Structure formats: C-alpha cells, structure tokens
Amino acid sequence: MHGRARPSFGMTPTYQEKIKNSTFFLNFQEWYDKLMSLPTKKAAFLKACDHQMTQRNRKLGNTRHFMHDQLAVAIAMRRQVATVTRHVYATVELSGHHTRGQVVLNWSEDWSGKMDQKPNVHVVTEIDSDLYEKLIYKGLED
C-alpha cells in the first residue's frame, strides 16, 4: 500500500482517540441504563425501539452504543449541540463489492483528488454532550 491513501471509514484517528477518552462515552452505558429506567411512557417507548440494537451490542461486548437518530433530532432542534463539523463530500457506494449501500466520505482537504467532487454534506465530529443529555432528558418527560 505504499504511496496509496489509507482508506477512511468515517473517523480520523484523532477523532477515534477523542471518543475513546471522552467522559461522556466512557460513562455512556451507565447514562443509557439510567435513561432507559426513567418511569415515563416516552422512555419505555424509546427502550422498546432501541432494545434489539442494545442487546446485540452488549452481546458483542460493545458498550458504546450511541443514539444517532436522537442526536440528529437534537441537532435539528438546537444547532449548538454540534460544536464541530466538517464540510466533506459524501456519496453512497452502489456498485462496490465490499461497500454496497455504504456512505463513503472524502475527508481530504484536496478536493481535486480522489472523487473529484466538491463538499456536499456537513459531518458532525464533536458535540456538546451536556446539552445533548439535557435535551434527551427533557424529551423523555411525560
């Protein structure tokens, strides 16, 4: 692979390290369990919706299940939840052997290269986890 770009699967090593060391993510399972035990109909509904994915992740030993749909809604409601974004080119790979249906991002700063396309999406790379948590709790109140 000498001389070829290393494939990116959505996160830079720096971002992976931030996630790995984030207090929010390290304590996520505890926070998630507390959230799912709220005695409200909305929390029960969310738990039912999320149950299959949560059980699958736990079976695989992954305690970092993240509620992406809820995060997207939180950002739509309060733009300041997204503290850092990157404007990148994204496409859906439809003919690849290993990536059919996968979103492919070009993280490169050099837009004349690889895909020869201009940025078309904003990808959130950092969030205000305190604000996100407050919005989730508020949304689950009866």
Protein backbone atom coordinates (compact mmCIF):
# COMPACT_ATOMS: atom_id res chain seq x y z
CA MET A 1 0.00 0.00 0.00
CA HIS A 2 2.99 2.29 -0.13
CA GLY A 3 2.08 5.54 -1.89
CA ARG A 4 -1.67 4.96 -1.65
CA ALA A 5 -4.03 6.79 0.64
CA ARG A 6 -5.18 4.84 3.67
CA PRO A 7 -8.94 4.25 3.42
CA SER A 8 -11.06 6.26 5.83
CA PHE A 9 -14.16 4.73 7.35
CA GLY A 10 -15.65 7.92 8.69
CA MET A 11 -13.33 8.85 11.55
CA THR A 12 -9.80 10.16 11.76
CA PRO A 13 -7.50 8.58 14.37
CA THR A 14 -7.63 11.84 16.31
CA TYR A 15 -11.42 11.66 16.48
CA GLN A 16 -11.29 7.98 17.49
CA GLU A 17 -8.99 8.91 20.36
CA LYS A 18 -11.36 11.69 21.45
CA ILE A 19 -14.24 9.19 21.56
CA LYS A 20 -12.13 6.60 23.36
CA ASN A 21 -11.19 9.11 26.08
CA SER A 22 -14.47 11.03 26.30
CA THR A 23 -16.10 11.00 29.73
CA PHE A 24 -19.49 11.00 28.01
CA PHE A 25 -18.67 7.86 26.05
CA LEU A 26 -16.83 6.13 28.89
CA ASN A 27 -19.88 6.62 31.11
CA PHE A 28 -22.37 6.09 28.30
CA GLN A 29 -23.65 2.66 29.37
CA GLU A 30 -24.37 3.92 32.88
CA TRP A 31 -26.09 7.02 31.45
CA TYR A 32 -28.04 4.96 28.91
CA ASP A 33 -29.26 2.49 31.55
CA LYS A 34 -30.36 5.38 33.78
CA LEU A 35 -32.14 6.99 30.84
CA MET A 36 -33.94 3.76 29.93
CA SER A 37 -35.11 3.29 33.52
CA LEU A 38 -36.96 6.62 33.63
CA PRO A 39 -40.57 5.92 34.68
CA THR A 40 -42.19 7.61 31.68
CA LYS A 41 -44.11 6.28 28.70
CA LYS A 42 -41.69 8.02 26.34
CA ALA A 43 -38.67 6.33 27.96
CA ALA A 44 -40.41 2.95 27.75
CA PHE A 45 -41.14 3.56 24.07
CA LEU A 46 -37.52 4.53 23.36
CA LYS A 47 -36.28 1.45 25.22
CA ALA A 48 -38.59 -0.78 23.17
CA CYS A 49 -37.38 0.83 19.93
CA ASP A 50 -33.74 0.50 20.91
CA HIS A 51 -33.90 -2.93 22.57
CA GLN A 52 -32.72 -5.12 19.70
CA MET A 53 -29.68 -2.96 18.87
CA THR A 54 -28.74 -2.58 22.54
CA GLN A 55 -28.91 -6.34 23.15
CA ARG A 56 -26.87 -7.04 20.01
CA ASN A 57 -24.19 -4.55 21.06
CA ARG A 58 -23.98 -5.93 24.59
CA LYS A 59 -23.70 -9.48 23.26
CA LEU A 60 -20.76 -8.32 21.13
CA GLY A 61 -19.18 -6.61 24.15
CA ASN A 62 -19.78 -3.13 22.73
CA THR A 63 -20.90 -0.75 25.45
CA ARG A 64 -20.64 2.34 23.24
CA HIS A 65 -23.99 2.08 21.50
CA PHE A 66 -24.91 5.62 20.58
CA MET A 67 -28.32 7.03 19.76
CA HIS A 68 -27.59 8.57 16.36
CA ASP A 69 -31.20 9.30 15.38
CA GLN A 70 -31.82 11.09 18.66
CA LEU A 71 -28.63 13.07 18.16
CA ALA A 72 -29.75 14.12 14.67
CA VAL A 73 -33.07 15.34 16.11
CA ALA A 74 -31.28 17.17 18.95
CA ILE A 75 -29.06 18.95 16.40
CA ALA A 76 -32.08 19.82 14.26
CA MET A 77 -33.73 21.33 17.34
CA ARG A 78 -30.61 23.05 18.69
CA ARG A 79 -27.82 23.61 16.19
CA GLN A 80 -25.38 24.37 19.04
CA VAL A 81 -25.40 20.67 20.05
CA ALA A 82 -22.96 20.20 17.14
CA THR A 83 -19.84 22.03 18.25
CA VAL A 84 -17.51 20.99 15.41
CA THR A 85 -18.45 19.98 11.88
CA ARG A 86 -16.53 19.27 8.69
CA HIS A 87 -17.77 20.05 5.20
CA VAL A 88 -16.91 16.98 3.11
CA TYR A 89 -18.01 15.12 0.00
CA ALA A 90 -20.24 12.10 0.58
CA THR A 91 -21.79 9.57 -1.74
CA VAL A 92 -23.46 6.17 -1.42
CA GLU A 93 -21.47 3.36 -2.99
CA LEU A 94 -23.86 1.36 -5.15
CA SER A 95 -21.54 -0.84 -7.19
CA GLY A 96 -18.72 -1.73 -4.81
CA HIS A 97 -18.06 -5.34 -3.90
CA HIS A 98 -17.43 -4.69 -0.17
CA THR A 99 -19.30 -1.45 0.38
CA ARG A 100 -22.63 -1.71 -1.45
CA GLY A 101 -25.04 0.76 0.15
CA GLN A 102 -22.39 2.30 2.40
CA VAL A 103 -21.88 6.04 2.73
CA VAL A 104 -18.38 6.92 1.56
CA LEU A 105 -16.79 10.16 2.73
CA ASN A 106 -13.86 12.03 1.27
CA TRP A 107 -12.12 13.58 4.30
CA SER A 108 -9.38 15.03 2.11
CA GLU A 109 -8.76 18.77 2.07
CA ASP A 110 -7.70 18.40 -1.59
CA TRP A 111 -10.98 18.34 -3.50
CA SER A 112 -9.26 17.96 -6.87
CA GLY A 113 -8.21 14.42 -5.99
CA LYS A 114 -9.88 11.10 -5.29
CA MET A 115 -13.56 11.66 -6.13
CA ASP A 116 -13.21 14.98 -7.95
CA GLN A 117 -16.29 16.30 -6.14
CA LYS A 118 -16.96 19.37 -4.02
CA PRO A 119 -18.14 19.04 -0.39
CA ASN A 120 -21.88 18.36 -0.18
CA VAL A 121 -22.53 17.44 3.49
CA HIS A 122 -21.62 18.68 6.94
CA VAL A 123 -20.44 15.87 9.22
CA VAL A 124 -20.63 16.41 12.96
CA THR A 125 -17.34 15.47 14.62
CA GLU A 126 -17.86 16.90 18.12
CA ILE A 127 -20.93 17.59 20.25
CA ASP A 128 -21.86 19.42 23.43
CA SER A 129 -22.68 16.25 25.37
CA ASP A 130 -24.12 18.19 28.34
CA LEU A 131 -26.65 19.97 26.12
CA TYR A 132 -27.44 16.74 24.28
CA GLU A 133 -28.07 14.96 27.58
CA LYS A 134 -30.35 17.77 28.81
CA LEU A 135 -32.39 17.65 25.58
CA ILE A 136 -32.77 13.86 25.79
CA TYR A 137 -33.98 14.03 29.39
CA LYS A 138 -36.35 16.89 28.57
CA GLY A 139 -37.73 14.96 25.59
CA LEU A 140 -38.47 11.90 27.71
CA GLU A 141 -40.51 13.74 30.33
CA ASP A 142 -44.23 12.96 30.43
